[in-house]
Structures are given as structure tokens and as C-alpha cells.
PDB file of N, CA and C in Angstrom:
ATOM      1  N   UNK A   1     115.413  76.422 138.385  1.00  0.00           N
ATOM      2  CA  UNK A   1     114.227  77.081 138.896  1.00  0.00           C
ATOM      3  C   UNK A   1     113.495  77.745 137.725  1.00  0.00           C
ATOM      4  N   UNK A   2     112.180  77.636 137.730  1.00  0.00           N
ATOM      5  CA  UNK A   2     111.386  78.207 136.639  1.00  0.00           C
ATOM      6  C   UNK A   2     111.229  79.725 136.814  1.00  0.00           C
ATOM      7  N   UNK A   3     110.840  80.380 135.730  1.00  0.00           N
ATOM      8  CA  UNK A   3     110.598  81.824 135.775  1.00  0.00           C
ATOM      9  C   UNK A   3     109.487  82.149 136.778  1.00  0.00           C
ATOM     10  N   UNK A   4     108.467  81.306 136.815  1.00  0.00           N
ATOM     11  CA  UNK A   4     107.366  81.533 137.759  1.00  0.00           C
ATOM     12  C   UNK A   4     107.854  81.423 139.201  1.00  0.00           C
ATOM     13  N   UNK A   5     108.733  80.473 139.483  1.00  0.00           N
ATOM     14  CA  UNK A   5     109.285  80.330 140.838  1.00  0.00           C
ATOM     15  C   UNK A   5     110.050  81.591 141.238  1.00  0.00           C
ATOM     16  N   UNK A   6     110.882  82.083 140.318  1.00  0.00           N
ATOM     17  CA  UNK A   6     111.651  83.304 140.584  1.00  0.00           C
ATOM     18  C   UNK A   6     110.698  84.478 140.794  1.00  0.00           C
ATOM     19  N   UNK A   7     109.675  84.574 139.942  1.00  0.00           N
ATOM     20  CA  UNK A   7     108.709  85.666 140.052  1.00  0.00           C
ATOM     21  C   UNK A   7     107.993  85.635 141.404  1.00  0.00           C
ATOM     22  N   UNK A   8     107.556  84.465 141.820  1.00  0.00           N
ATOM     23  CA  UNK A   8     106.876  84.338 143.110  1.00  0.00           C
ATOM     24  C   UNK A   8     107.784  84.781 144.260  1.00  0.00           C
ATOM     25  N   UNK A   9     109.041  84.409 144.198  1.00  0.00           N
ATOM     26  CA  UNK A   9     109.993  84.810 145.244  1.00  0.00           C
ATOM     27  C   UNK A   9     110.214  86.319 145.234  1.00  0.00           C
ATOM     28  N   UNK A  10     110.338  86.901 144.056  1.00  0.00           N
ATOM     29  CA  UNK A  10     110.518  88.351 143.950  1.00  0.00           C
ATOM     30  C   UNK A  10     109.305  89.073 144.524  1.00  0.00           C
ATOM     31  N   UNK A  11     108.110  88.595 144.204  1.00  0.00           N
ATOM     32  CA  UNK A  11     106.888  89.207 144.744  1.00  0.00           C
ATOM     33  C   UNK A  11     106.910  89.231 146.273  1.00  0.00           C
ATOM     34  N   UNK A  12     107.284  88.134 146.890  1.00  0.00           N
ATOM     35  CA  UNK A  12     107.309  88.046 148.354  1.00  0.00           C
ATOM     36  C   UNK A  12     108.326  89.015 148.934  1.00  0.00           C
ATOM     37  N   UNK A  13     109.535  89.003 148.397  1.00  0.00           N
ATOM     38  CA  UNK A  13     110.620  89.822 148.955  1.00  0.00           C
ATOM     39  C   UNK A  13     110.374  91.311 148.724  1.00  0.00           C
ATOM     40  N   UNK A  14     110.039  91.698 147.507  1.00  0.00           N
ATOM     41  CA  UNK A  14     109.868  93.115 147.187  1.00  0.00           C
ATOM     42  C   UNK A  14     108.638  93.696 147.895  1.00  0.00           C
ATOM     43  N   UNK A  15     107.596  92.896 148.056  1.00  0.00           N
ATOM     44  CA  UNK A  15     106.392  93.414 148.728  1.00  0.00           C
ATOM     45  C   UNK A  15     106.646  93.741 150.196  1.00  0.00           C
ATOM     46  N   UNK A  16     107.717  93.222 150.762  1.00  0.00           N
ATOM     47  CA  UNK A  16     108.075  93.514 152.157  1.00  0.00           C
ATOM     48  C   UNK A  16     108.929  94.781 152.293  1.00  0.00           C
ATOM     49  N   UNK A  17     109.365  95.336 151.173  1.00  0.00           N
ATOM     50  CA  UNK A  17     110.182  96.548 151.222  1.00  0.00           C
ATOM     51  C   UNK A  17     109.310  97.736 151.630  1.00  0.00           C
ATOM     52  N   UNK A  18     109.817  98.611 152.503  1.00  0.00           N
ATOM     53  CA  UNK A  18     109.040  99.793 152.893  1.00  0.00           C
ATOM     54  C   UNK A  18     108.724 100.682 151.690  1.00  0.00           C
ATOM     55  N   UNK A  19     107.583 101.330 151.743  1.00  0.00           N
ATOM     56  CA  UNK A  19     107.178 102.286 150.705  1.00  0.00           C
ATOM     57  C   UNK A  19     107.126 101.670 149.311  1.00  0.00           C
ATOM     58  N   UNK A  20     106.782 100.386 149.253  1.00  0.00           N
ATOM     59  CA  UNK A  20     106.764  99.676 147.977  1.00  0.00           C
ATOM     60  C   UNK A  20     105.493  98.839 147.865  1.00  0.00           C
ATOM     61  N   UNK A  21     104.890  98.901 146.687  1.00  0.00           N
ATOM     62  CA  UNK A  21     103.714  98.095 146.383  1.00  0.00           C
ATOM     63  C   UNK A  21     103.973  97.422 145.044  1.00  0.00           C
ATOM     64  N   UNK A  22     103.719  96.124 144.948  1.00  0.00           N
ATOM     65  CA  UNK A  22     104.006  95.396 143.710  1.00  0.00           C
ATOM     66  C   UNK A  22     102.938  94.334 143.471  1.00  0.00           C
ATOM     67  N   UNK A  23     102.661  94.062 142.196  1.00  0.00           N
ATOM     68  CA  UNK A  23     101.671  93.046 141.856  1.00  0.00           C
ATOM     69  C   UNK A  23     102.020  92.394 140.532  1.00  0.00           C
ATOM     70  N   UNK A  24     101.432  91.212 140.318  1.00  0.00           N
ATOM     71  CA  UNK A  24     101.632  90.447 139.094  1.00  0.00           C
ATOM     72  C   UNK A  24     100.863  91.100 137.967  1.00  0.00           C
ATOM     73  N   UNK A  25     101.491  91.237 136.819  1.00  0.00           N
ATOM     74  CA  UNK A  25     100.860  91.804 135.638  1.00  0.00           C
ATOM     75  C   UNK A  25     100.541  90.667 134.676  1.00  0.00           C
ATOM     76  N   UNK A  26      99.345  90.121 134.794  1.00  0.00           N
ATOM     77  CA  UNK A  26      98.954  89.038 133.888  1.00  0.00           C
ATOM     78  C   UNK A  26      98.812  89.572 132.473  1.00  0.00           C
ATOM     79  N   UNK A  27      99.267  88.788 131.517  1.00  0.00           N
ATOM     80  CA  UNK A  27      99.193  89.220 130.133  1.00  0.00           C
ATOM     81  C   UNK A  27      98.729  88.059 129.266  1.00  0.00           C
ATOM     82  N   UNK A  28      98.422  88.371 128.052  1.00  0.00           N
ATOM     83  CA  UNK A  28      97.989  87.348 127.115  1.00  0.00           C
ATOM     84  C   UNK A  28      96.629  87.663 126.542  1.00  0.00           C
ATOM     85  N   UNK A  29      96.070  86.683 125.855  1.00  0.00           N
ATOM     86  CA  UNK A  29      94.782  86.829 125.205  1.00  0.00           C
ATOM     87  C   UNK A  29      93.777  85.926 125.910  1.00  0.00           C
ATOM     88  N   UNK A  30      92.686  86.522 126.375  1.00  0.00           N
ATOM     89  CA  UNK A  30      91.639  85.785 127.063  1.00  0.00           C
ATOM     90  C   UNK A  30      90.372  85.832 126.227  1.00  0.00           C
ATOM     91  N   UNK A  31      89.478  84.884 126.465  1.00  0.00           N
ATOM     92  CA  UNK A  31      88.224  84.856 125.730  1.00  0.00           C
ATOM     93  C   UNK A  31      87.052  84.843 126.701  1.00  0.00           C
ATOM     94  N   UNK A  32      86.045  85.674 126.429  1.00  0.00           N
ATOM     95  CA  UNK A  32      84.843  85.710 127.247  1.00  0.00           C
ATOM     96  C   UNK A  32      83.983  84.486 126.924  1.00  0.00           C
ATOM     97  N   UNK A  33      82.906  84.300 127.672  1.00  0.00           N
ATOM     98  CA  UNK A  33      81.989  83.184 127.411  1.00  0.00           C
ATOM     99  C   UNK A  33      81.378  83.264 126.021  1.00  0.00           C
ATOM    100  N   UNK A  34      81.268  84.489 125.510  1.00  0.00           N
ATOM    101  CA  UNK A  34      80.722  84.683 124.162  1.00  0.00           C
ATOM    102  C   UNK A  34      81.770  84.514 123.067  1.00  0.00           C
ATOM    103  N   UNK A  35      83.019  84.296 123.473  1.00  0.00           N
ATOM    104  CA  UNK A  35      84.086  84.103 122.508  1.00  0.00           C
ATOM    105  C   UNK A  35      84.795  85.371 122.082  1.00  0.00           C
ATOM    106  N   UNK A  36      84.494  86.479 122.754  1.00  0.00           N
ATOM    107  CA  UNK A  36      85.154  87.741 122.433  1.00  0.00           C
ATOM    108  C   UNK A  36      86.569  87.735 122.996  1.00  0.00           C
ATOM    109  N   UNK A  37      87.535  88.077 122.161  1.00  0.00           N
ATOM    110  CA  UNK A  37      88.930  88.124 122.597  1.00  0.00           C
ATOM    111  C   UNK A  37      89.189  89.401 123.382  1.00  0.00           C
ATOM    112  N   UNK A  38      89.865  89.269 124.502  1.00  0.00           N
ATOM    113  CA  UNK A  38      90.222  90.404 125.339  1.00  0.00           C
ATOM    114  C   UNK A  38      91.712  90.290 125.659  1.00  0.00           C
ATOM    115  N   UNK A  39      92.461  91.333 125.312  1.00  0.00           N
ATOM    116  CA  UNK A  39      93.896  91.312 125.601  1.00  0.00           C
ATOM    117  C   UNK A  39      94.125  91.818 127.021  1.00  0.00           C
ATOM    118  N   UNK A  40      94.855  91.021 127.793  1.00  0.00           N
ATOM    119  CA  UNK A  40      95.241  91.422 129.143  1.00  0.00           C
ATOM    120  C   UNK A  40      96.614  92.076 129.055  1.00  0.00           C
ATOM    121  N   UNK A  41      96.733  93.278 129.555  1.00  0.00           N
ATOM    122  CA  UNK A  41      97.971  94.056 129.536  1.00  0.00           C
ATOM    123  C   UNK A  41      98.297  94.498 128.107  1.00  0.00           C
ATOM    124  N   UNK A  42      99.518  94.946 127.902  1.00  0.00           N
ATOM    125  CA  UNK A  42      99.949  95.394 126.577  1.00  0.00           C
ATOM    126  C   UNK A  42     101.227  94.668 126.198  1.00  0.00           C
ATOM    127  N   UNK A  43     101.496  94.510 124.915  1.00  0.00           N
ATOM    128  CA  UNK A  43     102.697  93.786 124.493  1.00  0.00           C
ATOM    129  C   UNK A  43     103.968  94.392 125.094  1.00  0.00           C
ATOM    130  N   UNK A  44     104.798  93.523 125.624  1.00  0.00           N
ATOM    131  CA  UNK A  44     106.081  93.954 126.162  1.00  0.00           C
ATOM    132  C   UNK A  44     106.060  94.393 127.603  1.00  0.00           C
ATOM    133  N   UNK A  45     104.879  94.507 128.211  1.00  0.00           N
ATOM    134  CA  UNK A  45     104.804  94.949 129.610  1.00  0.00           C
ATOM    135  C   UNK A  45     105.504  93.924 130.513  1.00  0.00           C
ATOM    136  N   UNK A  46     106.156  94.402 131.566  1.00  0.00           N
ATOM    137  CA  UNK A  46     106.894  93.496 132.445  1.00  0.00           C
ATOM    138  C   UNK A  46     105.977  92.592 133.275  1.00  0.00           C
ATOM    139  N   UNK A  47     106.570  91.550 133.826  1.00  0.00           N
ATOM    140  CA  UNK A  47     105.832  90.563 134.613  1.00  0.00           C
ATOM    141  C   UNK A  47     105.256  91.148 135.898  1.00  0.00           C
ATOM    142  N   UNK A  48     105.981  92.068 136.505  1.00  0.00           N
ATOM    143  CA  UNK A  48     105.560  92.662 137.772  1.00  0.00           C
ATOM    144  C   UNK A  48     105.505  94.178 137.620  1.00  0.00           C
ATOM    145  N   UNK A  49     104.465  94.781 138.169  1.00  0.00           N
ATOM    146  CA  UNK A  49     104.308  96.231 138.149  1.00  0.00           C
ATOM    147  C   UNK A  49     104.192  96.719 139.582  1.00  0.00           C
ATOM    148  N   UNK A  50     104.578  97.960 139.805  1.00  0.00           N
ATOM    149  CA  UNK A  50     104.437  98.486 141.148  1.00  0.00           C
ATOM    150  C   UNK A  50     104.826  99.947 141.258  1.00  0.00           C
ATOM    151  N   UNK A  51     104.903 100.372 142.515  1.00  0.00           N
ATOM    152  CA  UNK A  51     105.286 101.740 142.847  1.00  0.00           C
ATOM    153  C   UNK A  51     106.227 101.671 144.039  1.00  0.00           C
ATOM    154  N   UNK A  52     107.305 102.426 143.965  1.00  0.00           N
ATOM    155  CA  UNK A  52     108.229 102.537 145.094  1.00  0.00           C
ATOM    156  C   UNK A  52     108.494 104.013 145.341  1.00  0.00           C
ATOM    157  N   UNK A  53     108.118 104.476 146.527  1.00  0.00           N
ATOM    158  CA  UNK A  53     108.310 105.867 146.914  1.00  0.00           C
ATOM    159  C   UNK A  53     107.789 106.821 145.841  1.00  0.00           C
ATOM    160  N   UNK A  54     106.629 106.493 145.286  1.00  0.00           N
ATOM    161  CA  UNK A  54     105.978 107.360 144.313  1.00  0.00           C
ATOM    162  C   UNK A  54     106.433 107.189 142.875  1.00  0.00           C
ATOM    163  N   UNK A  55     107.365 106.304 142.626  1.00  0.00           N
ATOM    164  CA  UNK A  55     107.880 106.113 141.267  1.00  0.00           C
ATOM    165  C   UNK A  55     107.423 104.756 140.722  1.00  0.00           C
ATOM    166  N   UNK A  56     106.958 104.758 139.475  1.00  0.00           N
ATOM    167  CA  UNK A  56     106.534 103.519 138.828  1.00  0.00           C
ATOM    168  C   UNK A  56     107.719 102.578 138.675  1.00  0.00           C
ATOM    169  N   UNK A  57     107.478 101.283 138.934  1.00  0.00           N
ATOM    170  CA  UNK A  57     108.503 100.268 138.687  1.00  0.00           C
ATOM    171  C   UNK A  57     107.909  99.126 137.879  1.00  0.00           C
ATOM    172  N   UNK A  58     108.699  98.595 136.998  1.00  0.00           N
ATOM    173  CA  UNK A  58     108.354  97.401 136.234  1.00  0.00           C
ATOM    174  C   UNK A  58     109.508  96.429 136.354  1.00  0.00           C
ATOM    175  N   UNK A  59     109.200  95.190 136.678  1.00  0.00           N
ATOM    176  CA  UNK A  59     110.243  94.174 136.809  1.00  0.00           C
ATOM    177  C   UNK A  59     109.958  93.049 135.837  1.00  0.00           C
ATOM    178  N   UNK A  60     110.857  92.852 134.898  1.00  0.00           N
ATOM    179  CA  UNK A  60     110.781  91.732 133.971  1.00  0.00           C
ATOM    180  C   UNK A  60     111.606  90.602 134.572  1.00  0.00           C
ATOM    181  N   UNK A  61     110.983  89.464 134.787  1.00  0.00           N
ATOM    182  CA  UNK A  61     111.645  88.325 135.417  1.00  0.00           C
ATOM    183  C   UNK A  61     112.136  87.368 134.341  1.00  0.00           C
ATOM    184  N   UNK A  62     113.385  86.974 134.466  1.00  0.00           N
ATOM    185  CA  UNK A  62     113.981  86.032 133.515  1.00  0.00           C
ATOM    186  C   UNK A  62     114.758  84.959 134.272  1.00  0.00           C
ATOM    187  N   UNK A  63     114.880  83.799 133.658  1.00  0.00           N
ATOM    188  CA  UNK A  63     115.756  82.763 134.187  1.00  0.00           C
ATOM    189  C   UNK A  63     117.190  83.131 133.814  1.00  0.00           C
ATOM    190  N   UNK A  64     118.127  82.315 134.219  1.00  0.00           N
ATOM    191  CA  UNK A  64     119.544  82.602 133.932  1.00  0.00           C
ATOM    192  C   UNK A  64     119.816  82.797 132.440  1.00  0.00           C
ATOM    193  N   UNK A  65     119.142  82.043 131.600  1.00  0.00           N
ATOM    194  CA  UNK A  65     119.392  82.118 130.158  1.00  0.00           C
ATOM    195  C   UNK A  65     118.360  82.950 129.410  1.00  0.00           C
ATOM    196  N   UNK A  66     117.347  83.465 130.105  1.00  0.00           N
ATOM    197  CA  UNK A  66     116.283  84.218 129.458  1.00  0.00           C
ATOM    198  C   UNK A  66     116.746  85.549 128.893  1.00  0.00           C
ATOM    199  N   UNK A  67     116.160  85.953 127.772  1.00  0.00           N
ATOM    200  CA  UNK A  67     116.495  87.221 127.110  1.00  0.00           C
ATOM    201  C   UNK A  67     115.210  87.999 126.828  1.00  0.00           C
ATOM    202  N   UNK A  68     115.331  89.320 126.781  1.00  0.00           N
ATOM    203  CA  UNK A  68     114.179  90.165 126.457  1.00  0.00           C
ATOM    204  C   UNK A  68     113.776  89.999 124.992  1.00  0.00           C
ATOM    205  N   UNK A  69     112.474  90.058 124.777  1.00  0.00           N
ATOM    206  CA  UNK A  69     111.948  90.081 123.414  1.00  0.00           C
ATOM    207  C   UNK A  69     111.954  91.525 122.933  1.00  0.00           C
ATOM    208  N   UNK A  70     111.805  91.718 121.624  1.00  0.00           N
ATOM    209  CA  UNK A  70     111.824  93.069 121.046  1.00  0.00           C
ATOM    210  C   UNK A  70     110.740  93.955 121.666  1.00  0.00           C
ATOM    211  N   UNK A  71     109.542  93.402 121.900  1.00  0.00           N
ATOM    212  CA  UNK A  71     108.453  94.203 122.485  1.00  0.00           C
ATOM    213  C   UNK A  71     108.800  94.632 123.919  1.00  0.00           C
ATOM    214  N   UNK A  72     109.543  93.809 124.636  1.00  0.00           N
ATOM    215  CA  UNK A  72     109.955  94.156 126.000  1.00  0.00           C
ATOM    216  C   UNK A  72     111.008  95.258 125.994  1.00  0.00           C
ATOM    217  N   UNK A  73     111.883  95.224 125.032  1.00  0.00           N
ATOM    218  CA  UNK A  73     112.902  96.276 124.898  1.00  0.00           C
ATOM    219  C   UNK A  73     112.224  97.604 124.572  1.00  0.00           C
ATOM    220  N   UNK A  74     111.223  97.579 123.697  1.00  0.00           N
ATOM    221  CA  UNK A  74     110.485  98.807 123.362  1.00  0.00           C
ATOM    222  C   UNK A  74     109.730  99.334 124.583  1.00  0.00           C
ATOM    223  N   UNK A  75     109.105  98.445 125.357  1.00  0.00           N
ATOM    224  CA  UNK A  75     108.392  98.875 126.556  1.00  0.00           C
ATOM    225  C   UNK A  75     109.369  99.498 127.543  1.00  0.00           C
ATOM    226  N   UNK A  76     110.521  98.890 127.726  1.00  0.00           N
ATOM    227  CA  UNK A  76     111.533  99.426 128.639  1.00  0.00           C
ATOM    228  C   UNK A  76     111.931 100.838 128.234  1.00  0.00           C
ATOM    229  N   UNK A  77     112.181 101.055 126.965  1.00  0.00           N
ATOM    230  CA  UNK A  77     112.579 102.386 126.483  1.00  0.00           C
ATOM    231  C   UNK A  77     111.485 103.417 126.757  1.00  0.00           C
ATOM    232  N   UNK A  78     110.235 103.059 126.497  1.00  0.00           N
ATOM    233  CA  UNK A  78     109.125 103.983 126.729  1.00  0.00           C
ATOM    234  C   UNK A  78     108.948 104.267 128.217  1.00  0.00           C
ATOM    235  N   UNK A  79     109.081 103.245 129.032  1.00  0.00           N
ATOM    236  CA  UNK A  79     108.948 103.394 130.483  1.00  0.00           C
ATOM    237  C   UNK A  79     110.016 104.344 131.025  1.00  0.00           C
ATOM    238  N   UNK A  80     111.247 104.122 130.629  1.00  0.00           N
ATOM    239  CA  UNK A  80     112.350 104.959 131.111  1.00  0.00           C
ATOM    240  C   UNK A  80     112.233 106.384 130.592  1.00  0.00           C
ATOM    241  N   UNK A  81     111.781 106.550 129.363  1.00  0.00           N
ATOM    242  CA  UNK A  81     111.595 107.891 128.803  1.00  0.00           C
ATOM    243  C   UNK A  81     110.555 108.667 129.604  1.00  0.00           C
ATOM    244  N   UNK A  82     109.558 107.955 130.125  1.00  0.00           N
ATOM    245  CA  UNK A  82     108.489 108.588 130.911  1.00  0.00           C
ATOM    246  C   UNK A  82     108.862 108.760 132.384  1.00  0.00           C
ATOM    247  N   UNK A  83     110.076 108.346 132.758  1.00  0.00           N
ATOM    248  CA  UNK A  83     110.529 108.529 134.131  1.00  0.00           C
ATOM    249  C   UNK A  83     110.341 107.335 135.046  1.00  0.00           C
ATOM    250  N   UNK A  84     109.846 106.222 134.495  1.00  0.00           N
ATOM    251  CA  UNK A  84     109.670 105.019 135.301  1.00  0.00           C
ATOM    252  C   UNK A  84     110.972 104.235 135.419  1.00  0.00           C
ATOM    253  N   UNK A  85     110.957 103.278 136.320  1.00  0.00           N
ATOM    254  CA  UNK A  85     112.108 102.391 136.501  1.00  0.00           C
ATOM    255  C   UNK A  85     111.738 101.015 135.980  1.00  0.00           C
ATOM    256  N   UNK A  86     112.517 100.497 135.070  1.00  0.00           N
ATOM    257  CA  UNK A  86     112.310  99.170 134.505  1.00  0.00           C
ATOM    258  C   UNK A  86     113.567  98.379 134.779  1.00  0.00           C
ATOM    259  N   UNK A  87     113.412  97.235 135.409  1.00  0.00           N
ATOM    260  CA  UNK A  87     114.575  96.389 135.649  1.00  0.00           C
ATOM    261  C   UNK A  87     114.298  94.961 135.192  1.00  0.00           C
ATOM    262  N   UNK A  88     115.353  94.263 134.843  1.00  0.00           N
ATOM    263  CA  UNK A  88     115.264  92.840 134.563  1.00  0.00           C
ATOM    264  C   UNK A  88     115.969  92.143 135.718  1.00  0.00           C
ATOM    265  N   UNK A  89     115.302  91.156 136.304  1.00  0.00           N
ATOM    266  CA  UNK A  89     115.870  90.469 137.454  1.00  0.00           C
ATOM    267  C   UNK A  89     115.791  88.960 137.258  1.00  0.00           C
ATOM    268  N   UNK A  90     116.845  88.298 137.709  1.00  0.00           N
ATOM    269  CA  UNK A  90     116.915  86.844 137.617  1.00  0.00           C
ATOM    270  C   UNK A  90     116.828  86.181 138.993  1.00  0.00           C
ATOM    271  N   UNK A  91     116.724  87.024 140.036  1.00  0.00           N
ATOM    272  CA  UNK A  91     116.610  86.518 141.404  1.00  0.00           C
ATOM    273  C   UNK A  91     116.020  87.612 142.288  1.00  0.00           C
ATOM    274  N   UNK A  92     115.483  87.232 143.443  1.00  0.00           N
ATOM    275  CA  UNK A  92     114.979  88.243 144.376  1.00  0.00           C
ATOM    276  C   UNK A  92     116.082  89.197 144.826  1.00  0.00           C
ATOM    277  N   UNK A  93     117.262  88.683 145.079  1.00  0.00           N
ATOM    278  CA  UNK A  93     118.372  89.535 145.531  1.00  0.00           C
ATOM    279  C   UNK A  93     118.724  90.580 144.481  1.00  0.00           C
ATOM    280  N   UNK A  94     118.737  90.184 143.221  1.00  0.00           N
ATOM    281  CA  UNK A  94     119.042  91.131 142.141  1.00  0.00           C
ATOM    282  C   UNK A  94     117.964  92.204 142.043  1.00  0.00           C
ATOM    283  N   UNK A  95     116.699  91.817 142.179  1.00  0.00           N
ATOM    284  CA  UNK A  95     115.599  92.791 142.115  1.00  0.00           C
ATOM    285  C   UNK A  95     115.719  93.813 143.236  1.00  0.00           C
ATOM    286  N   UNK A  96     115.957  93.345 144.452  1.00  0.00           N
ATOM    287  CA  UNK A  96     116.077  94.254 145.601  1.00  0.00           C
ATOM    288  C   UNK A  96     117.274  95.175 145.438  1.00  0.00           C
ATOM    289  N   UNK A  97     118.406  94.637 145.038  1.00  0.00           N
ATOM    290  CA  UNK A  97     119.612  95.446 144.855  1.00  0.00           C
ATOM    291  C   UNK A  97     119.376  96.554 143.828  1.00  0.00           C
ATOM    292  N   UNK A  98     118.787  96.226 142.696  1.00  0.00           N
ATOM    293  CA  UNK A  98     118.553  97.230 141.666  1.00  0.00           C
ATOM    294  C   UNK A  98     117.549  98.279 142.132  1.00  0.00           C
ATOM    295  N   UNK A  99     116.517  97.848 142.852  1.00  0.00           N
ATOM    296  CA  UNK A  99     115.544  98.810 143.373  1.00  0.00           C
ATOM    297  C   UNK A  99     116.201  99.771 144.370  1.00  0.00           C
ATOM    298  N   UNK A 100     117.010  99.236 145.252  1.00  0.00           N
ATOM    299  CA  UNK A 100     117.663 100.076 146.256  1.00  0.00           C
ATOM    300  C   UNK A 100     118.698 101.012 145.646  1.00  0.00           C
ATOM    301  N   UNK A 101     119.360 100.559 144.582  1.00  0.00           N
ATOM    302  CA  UNK A 101     120.334 101.417 143.890  1.00  0.00           C
ATOM    303  C   UNK A 101     119.637 102.588 143.213  1.00  0.00           C
ATOM    304  N   UNK A 102     118.484 102.338 142.607  1.00  0.00           N
ATOM    305  CA  UNK A 102     117.783 103.372 141.842  1.00  0.00           C
ATOM    306  C   UNK A 102     116.834 104.225 142.685  1.00  0.00           C
ATOM    307  N   UNK A 103     116.214 103.615 143.683  1.00  0.00           N
ATOM    308  CA  UNK A 103     115.259 104.332 144.529  1.00  0.00           C
ATOM    309  C   UNK A 103     115.569 103.969 145.984  1.00  0.00           C
ATOM    310  N   UNK A 104     116.593 104.609 146.558  1.00  0.00           N
ATOM    311  CA  UNK A 104     117.031 104.255 147.933  1.00  0.00           C
ATOM    312  C   UNK A 104     115.978 104.558 148.994  1.00  0.00           C
TER     313      UNK A 104
END
């Protein structure tokens, strides 16, 4: 299963959780019609962003063999230092379990 497939499944399952809002965090470099470069998101930001019971959540989606990049590790540290919840999930079940463990 591709990372996008896992991400789509996580979006469906987590969005059904009570007191939870989640959305896709598109990232990368885009270009306007005039050719101006515009960066979407910030380096290392997770694939999914949201709020659960008033607390920020970030979910980085990986396949079974996927690993975090250095920029993602730095984002995770900053997020957690600021009181947010950052999780890495390889399946919808793992995402839900980690969310419920941290924010019941």
C-alpha cells in the first residue's frame, strides 16, 4: 500500500473521531502563472494537521519501511516543545491508538 493510500485511510478514520478535526497539509514548491516560487507549508511539517480536544496534532504518515527525514525530526521536537502532539503512523489503527493514548 502506498503512503498516499495510508494517508487517505487515516484522514477518513481520524476525521470521524469526536472532538477532532484533521486535514491534509500539502507541501512543496509551487509556481504562480508569473513564475514566482511559493513554498507550501514549512520543511518537515507532517502530512496531516489537526486539533483534538483543543490540542494541536500532527501526523506524519509512513509506509512500513518509511523513515523520518532530519527536517521532520526537527519539526517533531519543536512541536512537542510547544505542547503539540506529533505522531508517526503507518496505519489508521496506529494513528487512532496513539491519539487515544495521548488525548483520551
